[in-house]
Amino acid sequence: MAIFRVQIALPDRPGSLGAVASAIGFAGGDIRGLVVLRSEDGRGIDDITIAIPGSDSTDLLNVLNAIGGVEVLSISPVN
């Protein structure tokens, strides 16, 4: 299992974070931490720590990028 810190931008409206959490679960991920960093120009910027099976984050990135309005700003492994 690998742990990644993912910073995302998402629409600042009800249900957006729920869609992200569901997508993470769909990809087999487990949310270990979440920090809402700020809201600007109708978008929320969140920092999410996610554990995934294996060590390749490609599936996670694909699932997150497929959500309308969501942008992955950065991803980095957590040691």
N, C-alpha and C. Protein backbone atom coordinates (compact mmCIF):
# COMPACT_ATOMS: atom_id res chain seq x y z
N MET A 1 0.84 -1.17 0.00
CA MET A 1 0.00 0.00 0.00
C MET A 1 0.89 1.24 0.00
N ALA A 2 0.49 2.22 -0.79
CA ALA A 2 1.24 3.48 -0.87
C ALA A 2 0.33 4.63 -0.42
N ILE A 3 0.96 5.66 0.10
CA ILE A 3 0.20 6.83 0.55
C ILE A 3 0.67 8.04 -0.25
N PHE A 4 -0.31 8.80 -0.73
CA PHE A 4 -0.04 9.99 -1.53
C PHE A 4 -0.76 11.19 -0.95
N ARG A 5 -0.15 12.34 -1.09
CA ARG A 5 -0.81 13.61 -0.78
C ARG A 5 -1.20 14.23 -2.11
N VAL A 6 -2.50 14.48 -2.27
CA VAL A 6 -3.04 15.00 -3.52
C VAL A 6 -3.69 16.35 -3.23
N GLN A 7 -3.30 17.36 -3.98
CA GLN A 7 -3.95 18.66 -3.87
C GLN A 7 -4.85 18.81 -5.08
N ILE A 8 -6.13 19.11 -4.81
CA ILE A 8 -7.10 19.23 -5.89
C ILE A 8 -7.83 20.56 -5.82
N ALA A 9 -8.33 20.98 -6.97
CA ALA A 9 -9.25 22.10 -7.06
C ALA A 9 -10.57 21.50 -7.52
N LEU A 10 -11.66 21.92 -6.90
CA LEU A 10 -12.97 21.41 -7.25
C LEU A 10 -14.00 22.51 -7.13
N PRO A 11 -15.14 22.37 -7.81
CA PRO A 11 -16.17 23.39 -7.70
C PRO A 11 -16.60 23.56 -6.24
N ASP A 12 -16.73 24.79 -5.80
CA ASP A 12 -17.13 25.08 -4.42
C ASP A 12 -18.66 25.10 -4.35
N ARG A 13 -19.22 23.86 -4.38
CA ARG A 13 -20.67 23.72 -4.30
C ARG A 13 -20.99 22.39 -3.61
N PRO A 14 -22.20 22.29 -3.06
CA PRO A 14 -22.58 21.06 -2.36
C PRO A 14 -22.44 19.83 -3.25
N GLY A 15 -21.88 18.77 -2.69
CA GLY A 15 -21.73 17.50 -3.39
C GLY A 15 -20.41 17.28 -4.08
N SER A 16 -19.65 18.34 -4.31
CA SER A 16 -18.37 18.18 -5.02
C SER A 16 -17.39 17.31 -4.25
N LEU A 17 -17.24 17.57 -2.98
CA LEU A 17 -16.30 16.78 -2.18
C LEU A 17 -16.79 15.34 -2.04
N GLY A 18 -18.10 15.15 -1.95
CA GLY A 18 -18.66 13.80 -1.90
C GLY A 18 -18.34 13.01 -3.16
N ALA A 19 -18.42 13.67 -4.31
CA ALA A 19 -18.08 13.00 -5.57
C ALA A 19 -16.62 12.58 -5.58
N VAL A 20 -15.76 13.44 -5.06
CA VAL A 20 -14.33 13.13 -4.99
C VAL A 20 -14.09 11.94 -4.06
N ALA A 21 -14.73 11.96 -2.89
CA ALA A 21 -14.56 10.85 -1.93
C ALA A 21 -15.05 9.54 -2.52
N SER A 22 -16.18 9.57 -3.22
CA SER A 22 -16.70 8.36 -3.86
C SER A 22 -15.74 7.84 -4.93
N ALA A 23 -15.16 8.74 -5.71
CA ALA A 23 -14.22 8.34 -6.74
C ALA A 23 -12.97 7.71 -6.14
N ILE A 24 -12.51 8.28 -5.04
CA ILE A 24 -11.33 7.71 -4.36
C ILE A 24 -11.64 6.29 -3.90
N GLY A 25 -12.81 6.09 -3.32
CA GLY A 25 -13.23 4.74 -2.91
C GLY A 25 -13.35 3.81 -4.08
N PHE A 26 -13.90 4.28 -5.20
CA PHE A 26 -14.04 3.48 -6.41
C PHE A 26 -12.68 3.00 -6.91
N ALA A 27 -11.66 3.84 -6.76
CA ALA A 27 -10.30 3.48 -7.19
C ALA A 27 -9.59 2.61 -6.16
N GLY A 28 -10.28 2.24 -5.08
CA GLY A 28 -9.67 1.39 -4.05
C GLY A 28 -8.91 2.16 -3.01
N GLY A 29 -9.05 3.49 -3.00
CA GLY A 29 -8.31 4.33 -2.06
C GLY A 29 -9.03 4.52 -0.74
N ASP A 30 -8.26 4.90 0.24
CA ASP A 30 -8.76 5.16 1.59
C ASP A 30 -8.27 6.55 2.00
N ILE A 31 -9.19 7.44 2.30
CA ILE A 31 -8.81 8.80 2.71
C ILE A 31 -8.27 8.74 4.13
N ARG A 32 -7.04 9.20 4.30
CA ARG A 32 -6.39 9.20 5.61
C ARG A 32 -6.40 10.59 6.26
N GLY A 33 -6.57 11.62 5.43
CA GLY A 33 -6.62 12.98 5.96
C GLY A 33 -7.12 13.92 4.90
N LEU A 34 -7.77 15.01 5.35
CA LEU A 34 -8.29 16.00 4.42
C LEU A 34 -8.22 17.37 5.07
N VAL A 35 -7.66 18.31 4.33
CA VAL A 35 -7.58 19.69 4.80
C VAL A 35 -8.14 20.58 3.69
N VAL A 36 -9.15 21.37 4.06
CA VAL A 36 -9.66 22.37 3.12
C VAL A 36 -8.74 23.58 3.26
N LEU A 37 -8.00 23.88 2.20
CA LEU A 37 -7.00 24.94 2.28
C LEU A 37 -7.59 26.32 2.08
N ARG A 38 -8.45 26.46 1.04
CA ARG A 38 -9.03 27.78 0.77
C ARG A 38 -10.12 27.64 -0.28
N SER A 39 -10.86 28.72 -0.43
CA SER A 39 -11.86 28.84 -1.47
C SER A 39 -11.59 30.13 -2.22
N GLU A 40 -11.54 30.02 -3.54
CA GLU A 40 -11.26 31.22 -4.33
C GLU A 40 -11.91 31.08 -5.71
N ASP A 41 -12.53 32.13 -6.16
CA ASP A 41 -13.14 32.17 -7.49
C ASP A 41 -14.09 31.01 -7.76
N GLY A 42 -14.88 30.63 -6.75
CA GLY A 42 -15.85 29.55 -6.93
C GLY A 42 -15.28 28.16 -6.92
N ARG A 43 -14.02 28.04 -6.52
CA ARG A 43 -13.36 26.72 -6.44
C ARG A 43 -12.76 26.53 -5.06
N GLY A 44 -12.85 25.31 -4.58
CA GLY A 44 -12.20 24.94 -3.33
C GLY A 44 -10.88 24.28 -3.64
N ILE A 45 -9.90 24.52 -2.80
CA ILE A 45 -8.58 23.88 -2.92
C ILE A 45 -8.41 23.02 -1.67
N ASP A 46 -8.28 21.71 -1.88
CA ASP A 46 -8.19 20.75 -0.79
C ASP A 46 -6.92 19.93 -0.90
N ASP A 47 -6.41 19.53 0.25
CA ASP A 47 -5.25 18.66 0.35
C ASP A 47 -5.73 17.35 0.96
N ILE A 48 -5.61 16.25 0.22
CA ILE A 48 -6.14 14.96 0.67
C ILE A 48 -5.00 13.95 0.73
N THR A 49 -4.90 13.26 1.85
CA THR A 49 -3.93 12.17 2.00
C THR A 49 -4.69 10.87 1.76
N ILE A 50 -4.19 10.08 0.80
CA ILE A 50 -4.90 8.90 0.34
C ILE A 50 -3.97 7.69 0.33
N ALA A 51 -4.45 6.58 0.90
CA ALA A 51 -3.74 5.30 0.81
C ALA A 51 -4.37 4.50 -0.33
N ILE A 52 -3.54 3.94 -1.19
CA ILE A 52 -4.03 3.13 -2.30
C ILE A 52 -3.32 1.78 -2.30
N PRO A 53 -3.99 0.75 -2.84
CA PRO A 53 -3.30 -0.54 -2.98
C PRO A 53 -2.18 -0.42 -4.01
N GLY A 54 -1.12 -1.12 -3.79
CA GLY A 54 0.02 -1.06 -4.72
C GLY A 54 0.78 0.24 -4.56
N SER A 55 1.51 0.60 -5.62
CA SER A 55 2.34 1.80 -5.53
C SER A 55 2.16 2.75 -6.71
N ASP A 56 1.28 2.39 -7.65
CA ASP A 56 1.06 3.19 -8.85
C ASP A 56 -0.19 4.04 -8.69
N SER A 57 -0.04 5.35 -8.79
CA SER A 57 -1.17 6.27 -8.58
C SER A 57 -1.95 6.56 -9.86
N THR A 58 -1.63 5.89 -10.96
CA THR A 58 -2.26 6.18 -12.24
C THR A 58 -3.78 6.02 -12.20
N ASP A 59 -4.29 4.92 -11.64
CA ASP A 59 -5.74 4.71 -11.57
C ASP A 59 -6.41 5.80 -10.76
N LEU A 60 -5.82 6.17 -9.65
CA LEU A 60 -6.37 7.23 -8.81
C LEU A 60 -6.44 8.54 -9.59
N LEU A 61 -5.37 8.89 -10.26
CA LEU A 61 -5.35 10.13 -11.05
C LEU A 61 -6.39 10.11 -12.16
N ASN A 62 -6.52 8.98 -12.83
CA ASN A 62 -7.51 8.87 -13.91
C ASN A 62 -8.93 9.06 -13.40
N VAL A 63 -9.23 8.46 -12.27
CA VAL A 63 -10.57 8.57 -11.69
C VAL A 63 -10.84 10.01 -11.26
N LEU A 64 -9.89 10.65 -10.60
CA LEU A 64 -10.09 12.03 -10.15
C LEU A 64 -10.23 12.99 -11.34
N ASN A 65 -9.41 12.80 -12.36
CA ASN A 65 -9.46 13.68 -13.52
C ASN A 65 -10.74 13.49 -14.34
N ALA A 66 -11.42 12.37 -14.16
CA ALA A 66 -12.66 12.11 -14.90
C ALA A 66 -13.87 12.82 -14.29
N ILE A 67 -13.70 13.36 -13.08
CA ILE A 67 -14.81 14.07 -12.42
C ILE A 67 -14.89 15.48 -13.00
N GLY A 68 -16.05 15.84 -13.48
CA GLY A 68 -16.23 17.17 -14.05
C GLY A 68 -15.90 18.28 -13.07
N GLY A 69 -15.05 19.19 -13.50
CA GLY A 69 -14.70 20.35 -12.69
C GLY A 69 -13.57 20.13 -11.71
N VAL A 70 -13.08 18.89 -11.59
CA VAL A 70 -12.00 18.59 -10.65
C VAL A 70 -10.67 18.63 -11.39
N GLU A 71 -9.69 19.29 -10.77
CA GLU A 71 -8.34 19.36 -11.33
C GLU A 71 -7.34 18.92 -10.27
N VAL A 72 -6.50 17.95 -10.61
CA VAL A 72 -5.42 17.54 -9.72
C VAL A 72 -4.29 18.54 -9.90
N LEU A 73 -3.98 19.28 -8.83
CA LEU A 73 -2.93 20.30 -8.90
C LEU A 73 -1.56 19.72 -8.64
N SER A 74 -1.50 18.73 -7.72
CA SER A 74 -0.22 18.08 -7.43
C SER A 74 -0.49 16.75 -6.76
N ILE A 75 0.49 15.86 -6.88
CA ILE A 75 0.46 14.58 -6.18
C ILE A 75 1.89 14.25 -5.78
N SER A 76 2.06 13.79 -4.56
CA SER A 76 3.39 13.42 -4.10
C SER A 76 3.28 12.27 -3.11
N PRO A 77 4.24 11.35 -3.15
CA PRO A 77 4.23 10.24 -2.20
C PRO A 77 4.53 10.74 -0.79
N VAL A 78 3.93 10.06 0.18
CA VAL A 78 4.19 10.35 1.59
C VAL A 78 5.04 9.22 2.12
N ASN A 79 6.17 9.55 2.70
CA ASN A 79 7.08 8.52 3.22
C ASN A 79 6.77 8.18 4.64
